Amino acid sequence: MSRNITMILRPILAILLGDSRLSNAIPMMVYVCVRGQISRTTRRESLLVGGQLFGGEGREALSVIRHSTDKSVVKEKMRATFEYRQKLVHDPDATSSVLDVFPRFLDTPGLIDQDFSMMLGDDVSERFLTQWPSYFKEKVMAESKSLPSSPCVEELRASFDPELTDDYGWDSDVAALLLLLHLLPPTSRGHKKTAKISSTLVATHLLRFVKEGVSLTTFLEKVDTRQPFLLCIGEQRKNIQRFFIVVDHKAIPCDDPTSVAAFDRLFKAHFVFSLSYNEALSSFYTFIQTTIYNIDVGNTKESPRVKELRARLLREP
């Protein structure tokens, strides 16, 4: 076994061996968002996770996960090893290796949703998929009329007009998310003087588009950020054939080829892999977290702009 593989597997094997005496139903400590980012130190009471595997059973499950061709078996074993996977992602010395230890995230759809639901429950997991298209999308579109006119904003607004033909624009769901980003632009933090970044530039931290036929391997080699973003592949922006969540130079495929479902998984990846929000997207993600998913409302630091926008969008007409 190579030195690199040994370093990757050592933390997870230590967890497996160390937890062999624990019972099969133990409290799972969920790590919460503090000051707009995922915290590894603040914990809260959470759901009970039953049927967890440790010790020899855990090592056997890890082998099954790596080699099984039955996706239902993979999902079952991933569920049974959730507890020590969470310990792994919250270990600052091992977090970057989680996709190497659990490579099935890269070829088995649904694993991000499964872990997120185990952390926060099915009701929370389903909120964006149900509330964005039925309520928030139209509210954001209406609120965007207050934005100063610019070529980018006008192009995004045009995505909502079925009579306009734009071969270069996004579909209406992506357009609405990008308008939300314009409503919650990045702000300077602390006392350091930082150059103001435009919302258009910040959008590249949220999603990127490449044409069908471009080498995915070559693209991933050039990625310059660790924070997850959405990779959209297709012939046109408004007609995406494939979505991937890019994390640590690896691409996790989205099984549902819709922009709403893809963004839902992008958001969840921050929790599942214990990753902080990109600083330029902090207000945007914090709004999504507290206003749509209703996660840690009242316990997460929000900017005045986030609070004001939530109040306007939730105000009854």
C-alpha atoms as a PDB file:
ATOM      1  CA  MET A   1       0.000   0.000   0.000  1.00  0.00           C
ATOM      2  CA  SER A   2       1.450   3.387  -0.958  1.00  0.00           C
ATOM      3  CA  ARG A   3       2.313   6.037   1.609  1.00  0.00           C
ATOM      4  CA  ASN A   4      -0.486   8.317   0.312  1.00  0.00           C
ATOM      5  CA  ILE A   5      -3.165   5.621   0.589  1.00  0.00           C
ATOM      6  CA  THR A   6      -1.909   4.734   4.066  1.00  0.00           C
ATOM      7  CA  MET A   7      -2.235   8.356   5.161  1.00  0.00           C
ATOM      8  CA  ILE A   8      -5.743   8.515   3.743  1.00  0.00           C
ATOM      9  CA  LEU A   9      -6.975   5.314   5.371  1.00  0.00           C
ATOM     10  CA  ARG A  10      -5.238   5.665   8.742  1.00  0.00           C
ATOM     11  CA  PRO A  11      -7.735   8.183  10.257  1.00  0.00           C
ATOM     12  CA  ILE A  12     -10.772   6.222   9.179  1.00  0.00           C
ATOM     13  CA  LEU A  13      -9.368   2.902  10.401  1.00  0.00           C
ATOM     14  CA  ALA A  14      -8.541   4.525  13.732  1.00  0.00           C
ATOM     15  CA  ILE A  15     -12.119   5.661  14.055  1.00  0.00           C
ATOM     16  CA  LEU A  16     -13.390   2.210  13.180  1.00  0.00           C
ATOM     17  CA  LEU A  17     -11.175   0.510  15.720  1.00  0.00           C
ATOM     18  CA  GLY A  18     -11.732   3.108  18.414  1.00  0.00           C
ATOM     19  CA  ASP A  19     -15.506   2.988  18.202  1.00  0.00           C
ATOM     20  CA  SER A  20     -15.894  -0.773  18.226  1.00  0.00           C
ATOM     21  CA  ARG A  21     -17.183  -0.730  21.807  1.00  0.00           C
ATOM     22  CA  LEU A  22     -19.991   1.685  21.117  1.00  0.00           C
ATOM     23  CA  SER A  23     -23.594   0.542  20.822  1.00  0.00           C
ATOM     24  CA  ASN A  24     -25.487   0.488  17.537  1.00  0.00           C
ATOM     25  CA  ALA A  25     -27.703   3.422  18.502  1.00  0.00           C
ATOM     26  CA  ILE A  26     -25.722   6.457  19.592  1.00  0.00           C
ATOM     27  CA  PRO A  27     -26.415  10.171  19.513  1.00  0.00           C
ATOM     28  CA  MET A  28     -25.066  11.860  16.420  1.00  0.00           C
ATOM     29  CA  MET A  29     -23.674  15.334  17.065  1.00  0.00           C
ATOM     30  CA  VAL A  30     -24.589  17.662  14.226  1.00  0.00           C
ATOM     31  CA  TYR A  31     -22.277  20.584  13.590  1.00  0.00           C
ATOM     32  CA  VAL A  32     -24.052  23.857  12.991  1.00  0.00           C
ATOM     33  CA  CYS A  33     -23.498  27.080  11.074  1.00  0.00           C
ATOM     34  CA  VAL A  34     -21.973  29.890  13.095  1.00  0.00           C
ATOM     35  CA  ARG A  35     -21.313  33.331  11.633  1.00  0.00           C
ATOM     36  CA  GLY A  36     -22.443  32.150   8.233  1.00  0.00           C
ATOM     37  CA  GLN A  37     -20.016  29.234   7.988  1.00  0.00           C
ATOM     38  CA  ILE A  38     -20.032  25.571   8.945  1.00  0.00           C
ATOM     39  CA  SER A  39     -18.385  25.213  12.349  1.00  0.00           C
ATOM     40  CA  ARG A  40     -16.426  22.150  13.460  1.00  0.00           C
ATOM     41  CA  THR A  41     -16.568  23.123  17.119  1.00  0.00           C
ATOM     42  CA  THR A  42     -20.153  24.109  17.867  1.00  0.00           C
ATOM     43  CA  ARG A  43     -22.439  21.123  18.318  1.00  0.00           C
ATOM     44  CA  ARG A  44     -26.108  20.609  19.046  1.00  0.00           C
ATOM     45  CA  GLU A  45     -28.395  17.795  20.079  1.00  0.00           C
ATOM     46  CA  SER A  46     -29.394  15.779  17.050  1.00  0.00           C
ATOM     47  CA  LEU A  47     -31.134  12.731  15.674  1.00  0.00           C
ATOM     48  CA  LEU A  48     -30.318   9.248  16.861  1.00  0.00           C
ATOM     49  CA  VAL A  49     -28.565   7.124  14.302  1.00  0.00           C
ATOM     50  CA  GLY A  50     -29.231   3.409  14.677  1.00  0.00           C
ATOM     51  CA  GLY A  51     -27.602   0.397  13.040  1.00  0.00           C
ATOM     52  CA  GLN A  52     -24.141   1.956  12.820  1.00  0.00           C
ATOM     53  CA  LEU A  53     -21.196  -0.328  12.068  1.00  0.00           C
ATOM     54  CA  PHE A  54     -17.834  -0.161  13.837  1.00  0.00           C
ATOM     55  CA  GLY A  55     -14.751  -2.298  14.344  1.00  0.00           C
ATOM     56  CA  GLY A  56     -14.518  -5.346  12.116  1.00  0.00           C
ATOM     57  CA  GLU A  57     -18.019  -4.828  10.742  1.00  0.00           C
ATOM     58  CA  GLY A  58     -17.101  -1.276   9.838  1.00  0.00           C
ATOM     59  CA  ARG A  59     -13.958  -2.369   7.978  1.00  0.00           C
ATOM     60  CA  GLU A  60     -15.988  -4.945   6.091  1.00  0.00           C
ATOM     61  CA  ALA A  61     -18.572  -2.314   5.184  1.00  0.00           C
ATOM     62  CA  LEU A  62     -15.835  -0.034   3.869  1.00  0.00           C
ATOM     63  CA  SER A  63     -14.659  -2.817   1.574  1.00  0.00           C
ATOM     64  CA  VAL A  64     -18.209  -3.494   0.358  1.00  0.00           C
ATOM     65  CA  ILE A  65     -18.736   0.200  -0.339  1.00  0.00           C
ATOM     66  CA  ARG A  66     -15.618   0.336  -2.468  1.00  0.00           C
ATOM     67  CA  HIS A  67     -16.264  -2.795  -4.525  1.00  0.00           C
ATOM     68  CA  SER A  68     -20.015  -3.463  -4.729  1.00  0.00           C
ATOM     69  CA  THR A  69     -21.746  -2.906  -8.069  1.00  0.00           C
ATOM     70  CA  ASP A  70     -25.187  -2.941  -6.407  1.00  0.00           C
ATOM     71  CA  LYS A  71     -26.061   0.704  -5.712  1.00  0.00           C
ATOM     72  CA  SER A  72     -28.736  -0.230  -3.167  1.00  0.00           C
ATOM     73  CA  VAL A  73     -26.115  -2.132  -1.167  1.00  0.00           C
ATOM     74  CA  VAL A  74     -23.725   0.817  -1.425  1.00  0.00           C
ATOM     75  CA  LYS A  75     -26.387   3.210  -0.085  1.00  0.00           C
ATOM     76  CA  GLU A  76     -27.237   0.812   2.756  1.00  0.00           C
ATOM     77  CA  LYS A  77     -23.582   0.503   3.818  1.00  0.00           C
ATOM     78  CA  MET A  78     -23.038   4.247   3.463  1.00  0.00           C
ATOM     79  CA  ARG A  79     -25.971   4.808   5.788  1.00  0.00           C
ATOM     80  CA  ALA A  80     -24.539   2.319   8.279  1.00  0.00           C
ATOM     81  CA  THR A  81     -21.143   4.074   8.264  1.00  0.00           C
ATOM     82  CA  PHE A  82     -22.519   7.615   8.523  1.00  0.00           C
ATOM     83  CA  GLU A  83     -21.388   8.194  12.108  1.00  0.00           C
ATOM     84  CA  TYR A  84     -17.686   7.597  11.556  1.00  0.00           C
ATOM     85  CA  ARG A  85     -17.819   9.446   8.214  1.00  0.00           C
ATOM     86  CA  GLN A  86     -19.029  12.511  10.101  1.00  0.00           C
ATOM     87  CA  LYS A  87     -16.122  12.142  12.515  1.00  0.00           C
ATOM     88  CA  LEU A  88     -13.808  11.979   9.532  1.00  0.00           C
ATOM     89  CA  VAL A  89     -15.085  15.175   7.885  1.00  0.00           C
ATOM     90  CA  HIS A  90     -14.858  17.038  11.187  1.00  0.00           C
ATOM     91  CA  ASP A  91     -11.257  15.948  11.710  1.00  0.00           C
ATOM     92  CA  PRO A  92      -9.150  18.879  10.416  1.00  0.00           C
ATOM     93  CA  ASP A  93      -6.345  16.480   9.505  1.00  0.00           C
ATOM     94  CA  ALA A  94      -8.559  14.195   7.425  1.00  0.00           C
ATOM     95  CA  THR A  95     -11.382  16.250   5.896  1.00  0.00           C
ATOM     96  CA  SER A  96      -9.737  16.570   2.480  1.00  0.00           C
ATOM     97  CA  SER A  97      -9.566  12.786   2.114  1.00  0.00           C
ATOM     98  CA  VAL A  98     -13.263  11.976   2.550  1.00  0.00           C
ATOM     99  CA  LEU A  99     -13.848  11.500  -1.197  1.00  0.00           C
ATOM    100  CA  ASP A 100     -10.829   9.195  -1.333  1.00  0.00           C
ATOM    101  CA  VAL A 101     -12.068   7.098   1.576  1.00  0.00           C
ATOM    102  CA  PHE A 102     -15.647   7.127   0.248  1.00  0.00           C
ATOM    103  CA  PRO A 103     -15.222   7.312  -3.543  1.00  0.00           C
ATOM    104  CA  ARG A 104     -18.794   6.133  -4.187  1.00  0.00           C
ATOM    105  CA  PHE A 105     -19.960   9.734  -3.783  1.00  0.00           C
ATOM    106  CA  LEU A 106     -18.464  10.110  -7.260  1.00  0.00           C
ATOM    107  CA  ASP A 107     -20.558   7.457  -9.008  1.00  0.00           C
ATOM    108  CA  THR A 108     -23.594   6.715  -6.842  1.00  0.00           C
ATOM    109  CA  PRO A 109     -26.401   9.310  -6.999  1.00  0.00           C
ATOM    110  CA  GLY A 110     -28.325  10.182  -3.862  1.00  0.00           C
ATOM    111  CA  LEU A 111     -25.568   9.856  -1.268  1.00  0.00           C
ATOM    112  CA  ILE A 112     -25.372  13.592  -0.521  1.00  0.00           C
ATOM    113  CA  ASP A 113     -29.151  13.694   0.007  1.00  0.00           C
ATOM    114  CA  GLN A 114     -28.972  10.634   2.245  1.00  0.00           C
ATOM    115  CA  ASP A 115     -26.293  12.064   4.538  1.00  0.00           C
ATOM    116  CA  PHE A 116     -27.998  15.468   4.688  1.00  0.00           C
ATOM    117  CA  SER A 117     -31.317  13.853   5.668  1.00  0.00           C
ATOM    118  CA  MET A 118     -29.568  11.869   8.386  1.00  0.00           C
ATOM    119  CA  MET A 119     -28.130  15.111   9.731  1.00  0.00           C
ATOM    120  CA  LEU A 120     -31.202  17.330   9.609  1.00  0.00           C
ATOM    121  CA  GLY A 121     -34.212  15.196   8.692  1.00  0.00           C
ATOM    122  CA  ASP A 122     -36.318  14.629   5.583  1.00  0.00           C
ATOM    123  CA  ASP A 123     -38.487  17.719   6.107  1.00  0.00           C
ATOM    124  CA  VAL A 124     -35.495  20.055   6.010  1.00  0.00           C
ATOM    125  CA  SER A 125     -33.993  18.143   3.093  1.00  0.00           C
ATOM    126  CA  GLU A 126     -37.095  18.708   0.942  1.00  0.00           C
ATOM    127  CA  ARG A 127     -37.645  22.410   1.656  1.00  0.00           C
ATOM    128  CA  PHE A 128     -35.717  23.964  -1.212  1.00  0.00           C
ATOM    129  CA  LEU A 129     -37.178  21.570  -3.801  1.00  0.00           C
ATOM    130  CA  THR A 130     -40.706  22.431  -2.698  1.00  0.00           C
ATOM    131  CA  GLN A 131     -40.447  26.089  -1.700  1.00  0.00           C
ATOM    132  CA  TRP A 132     -38.132  27.558  -4.334  1.00  0.00           C
ATOM    133  CA  PRO A 133     -40.313  26.827  -7.404  1.00  0.00           C
ATOM    134  CA  SER A 134     -43.626  27.400  -5.620  1.00  0.00           C
ATOM    135  CA  TYR A 135     -42.821  30.632  -3.756  1.00  0.00           C
ATOM    136  CA  PHE A 136     -39.323  32.100  -3.612  1.00  0.00           C
ATOM    137  CA  LYS A 137     -38.497  32.060  -7.324  1.00  0.00           C
ATOM    138  CA  GLU A 138     -41.324  34.455  -8.218  1.00  0.00           C
ATOM    139  CA  LYS A 139     -40.644  36.600  -5.146  1.00  0.00           C
ATOM    140  CA  VAL A 140     -36.994  37.007  -6.132  1.00  0.00           C
ATOM    141  CA  MET A 141     -37.976  37.853  -9.693  1.00  0.00           C
ATOM    142  CA  ALA A 142     -40.335  40.572  -8.452  1.00  0.00           C
ATOM    143  CA  GLU A 143     -37.781  41.945  -5.986  1.00  0.00           C
ATOM    144  CA  SER A 144     -35.135  42.094  -8.716  1.00  0.00           C
ATOM    145  CA  LYS A 145     -37.052  44.961 -10.349  1.00  0.00           C
ATOM    146  CA  SER A 146     -35.469  47.180  -7.698  1.00  0.00           C
ATOM    147  CA  LEU A 147     -31.963  46.397  -8.975  1.00  0.00           C
ATOM    148  CA  PRO A 148     -30.153  49.050 -11.031  1.00  0.00           C
ATOM    149  CA  SER A 149     -30.248  48.216 -14.718  1.00  0.00           C
ATOM    150  CA  SER A 150     -27.156  46.579 -16.196  1.00  0.00           C
ATOM    151  CA  PRO A 151     -26.540  44.278 -19.178  1.00  0.00           C
ATOM    152  CA  CYS A 152     -26.155  41.283 -16.847  1.00  0.00           C
ATOM    153  CA  VAL A 153     -29.313  42.015 -14.832  1.00  0.00           C
ATOM    154  CA  GLU A 154     -31.354  42.642 -17.981  1.00  0.00           C
ATOM    155  CA  GLU A 155     -30.129  39.366 -19.491  1.00  0.00           C
ATOM    156  CA  LEU A 156     -31.171  37.489 -16.364  1.00  0.00           C
ATOM    157  CA  ARG A 157     -34.592  39.129 -16.320  1.00  0.00           C
ATOM    158  CA  ALA A 158     -35.071  38.193 -19.974  1.00  0.00           C
ATOM    159  CA  SER A 159     -34.939  34.516 -18.960  1.00  0.00           C
ATOM    160  CA  PHE A 160     -38.429  34.914 -17.490  1.00  0.00           C
ATOM    161  CA  ASP A 161     -39.952  36.198 -20.736  1.00  0.00           C
ATOM    162  CA  PRO A 162     -41.144  33.268 -22.919  1.00  0.00           C
ATOM    163  CA  GLU A 163     -41.484  35.548 -25.926  1.00  0.00           C
ATOM    164  CA  LEU A 164     -37.804  36.459 -25.943  1.00  0.00           C
ATOM    165  CA  THR A 165     -35.341  34.123 -27.646  1.00  0.00           C
ATOM    166  CA  ASP A 166     -31.908  34.192 -26.048  1.00  0.00           C
ATOM    167  CA  ASP A 167     -29.461  31.482 -27.024  1.00  0.00           C
ATOM    168  CA  TYR A 168     -26.962  32.608 -24.393  1.00  0.00           C
ATOM    169  CA  GLY A 169     -29.124  33.009 -21.291  1.00  0.00           C
ATOM    170  CA  TRP A 170     -29.746  30.629 -18.389  1.00  0.00           C
ATOM    171  CA  ASP A 171     -32.988  28.840 -17.621  1.00  0.00           C
ATOM    172  CA  SER A 172     -35.368  30.754 -15.356  1.00  0.00           C
ATOM    173  CA  ASP A 173     -34.391  28.912 -12.151  1.00  0.00           C
ATOM    174  CA  VAL A 174     -30.671  29.620 -12.545  1.00  0.00           C
ATOM    175  CA  ALA A 175     -31.484  33.193 -13.593  1.00  0.00           C
ATOM    176  CA  ALA A 176     -33.532  33.681 -10.406  1.00  0.00           C
ATOM    177  CA  LEU A 177     -30.696  32.337  -8.248  1.00  0.00           C
ATOM    178  CA  LEU A 178     -28.243  34.708  -9.933  1.00  0.00           C
ATOM    179  CA  LEU A 179     -30.644  37.621  -9.407  1.00  0.00           C
ATOM    180  CA  LEU A 180     -30.762  36.645  -5.732  1.00  0.00           C
ATOM    181  CA  LEU A 181     -26.979  36.905  -5.758  1.00  0.00           C
ATOM    182  CA  HIS A 182     -27.276  40.428  -7.180  1.00  0.00           C
ATOM    183  CA  LEU A 183     -29.734  41.258  -4.378  1.00  0.00           C
ATOM    184  CA  LEU A 184     -27.190  39.987  -1.837  1.00  0.00           C
ATOM    185  CA  PRO A 185     -23.834  41.157  -3.233  1.00  0.00           C
ATOM    186  CA  PRO A 186     -20.570  40.397  -1.414  1.00  0.00           C
ATOM    187  CA  THR A 187     -19.531  42.848   1.261  1.00  0.00           C
ATOM    188  CA  SER A 188     -16.161  43.621   2.814  1.00  0.00           C
ATOM    189  CA  ARG A 189     -15.562  42.027   6.204  1.00  0.00           C
ATOM    190  CA  GLY A 190     -13.530  43.257   9.136  1.00  0.00           C
ATOM    191  CA  HIS A 191     -11.231  46.247   8.874  1.00  0.00           C
ATOM    192  CA  LYS A 192      -9.140  45.094   5.930  1.00  0.00           C
ATOM    193  CA  LYS A 193      -9.592  47.063   2.757  1.00  0.00           C
ATOM    194  CA  THR A 194     -10.586  44.634   0.023  1.00  0.00           C
ATOM    195  CA  ALA A 195     -11.446  45.371  -3.552  1.00  0.00           C
ATOM    196  CA  LYS A 196     -15.153  45.230  -4.256  1.00  0.00           C
ATOM    197  CA  ILE A 197     -16.082  42.202  -6.339  1.00  0.00           C
ATOM    198  CA  SER A 198     -18.973  42.439  -8.778  1.00  0.00           C
ATOM    199  CA  SER A 199     -21.879  40.027  -8.476  1.00  0.00           C
ATOM    200  CA  THR A 200     -21.154  38.915 -12.047  1.00  0.00           C
ATOM    201  CA  LEU A 201     -17.647  37.820 -11.074  1.00  0.00           C
ATOM    202  CA  VAL A 202     -18.866  36.241  -7.831  1.00  0.00           C
ATOM    203  CA  ALA A 203     -21.279  34.098  -9.871  1.00  0.00           C
ATOM    204  CA  THR A 204     -18.281  32.091 -11.117  1.00  0.00           C
ATOM    205  CA  HIS A 205     -17.805  30.881  -7.541  1.00  0.00           C
ATOM    206  CA  LEU A 206     -21.375  29.571  -7.575  1.00  0.00           C
ATOM    207  CA  LEU A 207     -21.559  27.903 -10.993  1.00  0.00           C
ATOM    208  CA  ARG A 208     -19.625  27.499 -14.216  1.00  0.00           C
ATOM    209  CA  PHE A 209     -20.719  26.510 -17.689  1.00  0.00           C
ATOM    210  CA  VAL A 210     -18.774  24.454 -20.215  1.00  0.00           C
ATOM    211  CA  LYS A 211     -19.890  23.152 -23.579  1.00  0.00           C
ATOM    212  CA  GLU A 212     -20.609  19.491 -24.141  1.00  0.00           C
ATOM    213  CA  GLY A 213     -17.490  17.747 -25.425  1.00  0.00           C
ATOM    214  CA  VAL A 214     -14.987  19.577 -23.205  1.00  0.00           C
ATOM    215  CA  SER A 215     -12.732  17.208 -21.266  1.00  0.00           C
ATOM    216  CA  LEU A 216     -13.974  16.963 -17.673  1.00  0.00           C
ATOM    217  CA  THR A 217     -10.541  15.772 -16.522  1.00  0.00           C
ATOM    218  CA  THR A 218      -8.812  18.778 -18.067  1.00  0.00           C
ATOM    219  CA  PHE A 219     -11.376  21.140 -16.548  1.00  0.00           C
ATOM    220  CA  LEU A 220     -10.938  19.685 -13.040  1.00  0.00           C
ATOM    221  CA  GLU A 221      -7.153  19.997 -13.262  1.00  0.00           C
ATOM    222  CA  LYS A 222      -7.540  23.756 -13.692  1.00  0.00           C
ATOM    223  CA  VAL A 223     -10.017  24.321 -10.842  1.00  0.00           C
ATOM    224  CA  ASP A 224      -8.589  26.896  -8.429  1.00  0.00           C
ATOM    225  CA  THR A 225     -10.922  26.655  -5.421  1.00  0.00           C
ATOM    226  CA  ARG A 226     -11.735  24.104  -2.720  1.00  0.00           C
ATOM    227  CA  GLN A 227     -15.243  25.367  -1.997  1.00  0.00           C
ATOM    228  CA  PRO A 228     -17.913  23.449  -3.929  1.00  0.00           C
ATOM    229  CA  PHE A 229     -19.521  24.918  -7.025  1.00  0.00           C
ATOM    230  CA  LEU A 230     -21.956  23.746  -9.682  1.00  0.00           C
ATOM    231  CA  LEU A 231     -20.548  22.656 -13.034  1.00  0.00           C
ATOM    232  CA  CYS A 232     -23.105  22.893 -15.846  1.00  0.00           C
ATOM    233  CA  ILE A 233     -22.420  21.018 -19.081  1.00  0.00           C
ATOM    234  CA  GLY A 234     -24.524  21.429 -22.205  1.00  0.00           C
ATOM    235  CA  GLU A 235     -24.818  22.977 -25.641  1.00  0.00           C
ATOM    236  CA  GLN A 236     -26.466  26.108 -24.220  1.00  0.00           C
ATOM    237  CA  ARG A 237     -26.796  27.619 -20.751  1.00  0.00           C
ATOM    238  CA  LYS A 238     -30.547  27.240 -20.789  1.00  0.00           C
ATOM    239  CA  ASN A 239     -30.375  23.615 -21.864  1.00  0.00           C
ATOM    240  CA  ILE A 240     -27.984  21.829 -19.503  1.00  0.00           C
ATOM    241  CA  GLN A 241     -27.555  18.090 -20.049  1.00  0.00           C
ATOM    242  CA  ARG A 242     -25.387  17.305 -17.019  1.00  0.00           C
ATOM    243  CA  PHE A 243     -24.723  18.871 -13.621  1.00  0.00           C
ATOM    244  CA  PHE A 244     -21.814  18.101 -11.297  1.00  0.00           C
ATOM    245  CA  ILE A 245     -20.897  19.281  -7.809  1.00  0.00           C
ATOM    246  CA  VAL A 246     -17.168  20.033  -7.945  1.00  0.00           C
ATOM    247  CA  VAL A 247     -15.329  19.481  -4.638  1.00  0.00           C
ATOM    248  CA  ASP A 248     -11.572  19.111  -4.173  1.00  0.00           C
ATOM    249  CA  HIS A 249     -10.969  18.769  -7.923  1.00  0.00           C
ATOM    250  CA  LYS A 250     -13.476  15.928  -8.127  1.00  0.00           C
ATOM    251  CA  ALA A 251     -16.874  15.927  -9.844  1.00  0.00           C
ATOM    252  CA  ILE A 252     -19.924  14.439  -8.103  1.00  0.00           C
ATOM    253  CA  PRO A 253     -22.701  13.785 -10.657  1.00  0.00           C
ATOM    254  CA  CYS A 254     -26.255  14.968 -10.043  1.00  0.00           C
ATOM    255  CA  ASP A 255     -28.774  12.273 -10.953  1.00  0.00           C
ATOM    256  CA  ASP A 256     -31.690  14.679 -11.515  1.00  0.00           C
ATOM    257  CA  PRO A 257     -30.837  16.865 -14.543  1.00  0.00           C
ATOM    258  CA  THR A 258     -32.672  19.982 -13.340  1.00  0.00           C
ATOM    259  CA  SER A 259     -31.039  23.170 -12.092  1.00  0.00           C
ATOM    260  CA  VAL A 260     -33.233  23.270  -8.957  1.00  0.00           C
ATOM    261  CA  ALA A 261     -32.211  19.764  -7.870  1.00  0.00           C
ATOM    262  CA  ALA A 262     -28.566  20.434  -8.754  1.00  0.00           C
ATOM    263  CA  PHE A 263     -28.412  23.592  -6.650  1.00  0.00           C
ATOM    264  CA  ASP A 264     -30.155  21.766  -3.781  1.00  0.00           C
ATOM    265  CA  ARG A 265     -27.307  19.238  -3.743  1.00  0.00           C
ATOM    266  CA  LEU A 266     -24.688  21.960  -4.050  1.00  0.00           C
ATOM    267  CA  PHE A 267     -26.001  23.606  -0.896  1.00  0.00           C
ATOM    268  CA  LYS A 268     -26.197  20.282   0.944  1.00  0.00           C
ATOM    269  CA  ALA A 269     -22.602  19.434   0.040  1.00  0.00           C
ATOM    270  CA  HIS A 270     -21.416  22.193   2.397  1.00  0.00           C
ATOM    271  CA  PHE A 271     -23.038  20.383   5.336  1.00  0.00           C
ATOM    272  CA  VAL A 272     -22.248  16.826   4.278  1.00  0.00           C
ATOM    273  CA  PHE A 273     -18.535  17.569   3.768  1.00  0.00           C
ATOM    274  CA  SER A 274     -18.305  20.249   6.502  1.00  0.00           C
ATOM    275  CA  LEU A 275     -17.133  22.981   4.135  1.00  0.00           C
ATOM    276  CA  SER A 276     -17.345  26.710   4.769  1.00  0.00           C
ATOM    277  CA  TYR A 277     -19.206  28.970   2.397  1.00  0.00           C
ATOM    278  CA  ASN A 278     -17.135  30.887  -0.110  1.00  0.00           C
ATOM    279  CA  GLU A 279     -16.683  34.261   1.582  1.00  0.00           C
ATOM    280  CA  ALA A 280     -18.006  36.165  -1.432  1.00  0.00           C
ATOM    281  CA  LEU A 281     -21.164  34.006  -1.328  1.00  0.00           C
ATOM    282  CA  SER A 282     -21.665  34.136   2.431  1.00  0.00           C
ATOM    283  CA  SER A 283     -24.750  36.398   2.434  1.00  0.00           C
ATOM    284  CA  PHE A 284     -26.279  34.474  -0.465  1.00  0.00           C
ATOM    285  CA  TYR A 285     -25.844  31.063   1.165  1.00  0.00           C
ATOM    286  CA  THR A 286     -26.832  32.340   4.604  1.00  0.00           C
ATOM    287  CA  PHE A 287     -30.103  33.610   3.148  1.00  0.00           C
ATOM    288  CA  ILE A 288     -30.751  30.226   1.482  1.00  0.00           C
ATOM    289  CA  GLN A 289     -29.891  28.430   4.736  1.00  0.00           C
ATOM    290  CA  THR A 290     -32.000  30.438   7.149  1.00  0.00           C
ATOM    291  CA  THR A 291     -34.862  31.613   4.941  1.00  0.00           C
ATOM    292  CA  ILE A 292     -35.591  28.600   2.724  1.00  0.00           C
ATOM    293  CA  TYR A 293     -34.157  25.592   4.565  1.00  0.00           C
ATOM    294  CA  ASN A 294     -34.872  27.193   7.989  1.00  0.00           C
ATOM    295  CA  ILE A 295     -31.622  25.857   9.424  1.00  0.00           C
ATOM    296  CA  ASP A 296     -30.317  27.493  12.616  1.00  0.00           C
ATOM    297  CA  VAL A 297     -32.639  30.475  12.365  1.00  0.00           C
ATOM    298  CA  GLY A 298     -31.738  32.874  15.164  1.00  0.00           C
ATOM    299  CA  ASN A 299     -28.405  31.129  15.835  1.00  0.00           C
ATOM    300  CA  THR A 300     -26.651  32.142  12.623  1.00  0.00           C
ATOM    301  CA  LYS A 301     -25.102  35.572  12.194  1.00  0.00           C
ATOM    302  CA  GLU A 302     -26.856  37.395   9.349  1.00  0.00           C
ATOM    303  CA  SER A 303     -26.036  40.673   7.677  1.00  0.00           C
ATOM    304  CA  PRO A 304     -28.655  43.447   7.835  1.00  0.00           C
ATOM    305  CA  ARG A 305     -29.179  43.007   4.089  1.00  0.00           C
ATOM    306  CA  VAL A 306     -30.082  39.329   4.551  1.00  0.00           C
ATOM    307  CA  LYS A 307     -32.582  40.185   7.302  1.00  0.00           C
ATOM    308  CA  GLU A 308     -34.136  42.974   5.257  1.00  0.00           C
ATOM    309  CA  LEU A 309     -34.512  40.849   2.143  1.00  0.00           C
ATOM    310  CA  ARG A 310     -36.112  38.003   4.093  1.00  0.00           C
ATOM    311  CA  ALA A 311     -38.607  40.418   5.640  1.00  0.00           C
ATOM    312  CA  ARG A 312     -39.555  41.778   2.216  1.00  0.00           C
ATOM    313  CA  LEU A 313     -39.906  38.378   0.559  1.00  0.00           C
ATOM    314  CA  LEU A 314     -41.991  36.922   3.380  1.00  0.00           C
ATOM    315  CA  ARG A 315     -44.217  39.965   3.678  1.00  0.00           C
ATOM    316  CA  GLU A 316     -47.788  39.265   2.702  1.00  0.00           C
ATOM    317  CA  PRO A 317     -49.015  41.360  -0.266  1.00  0.00           C
END
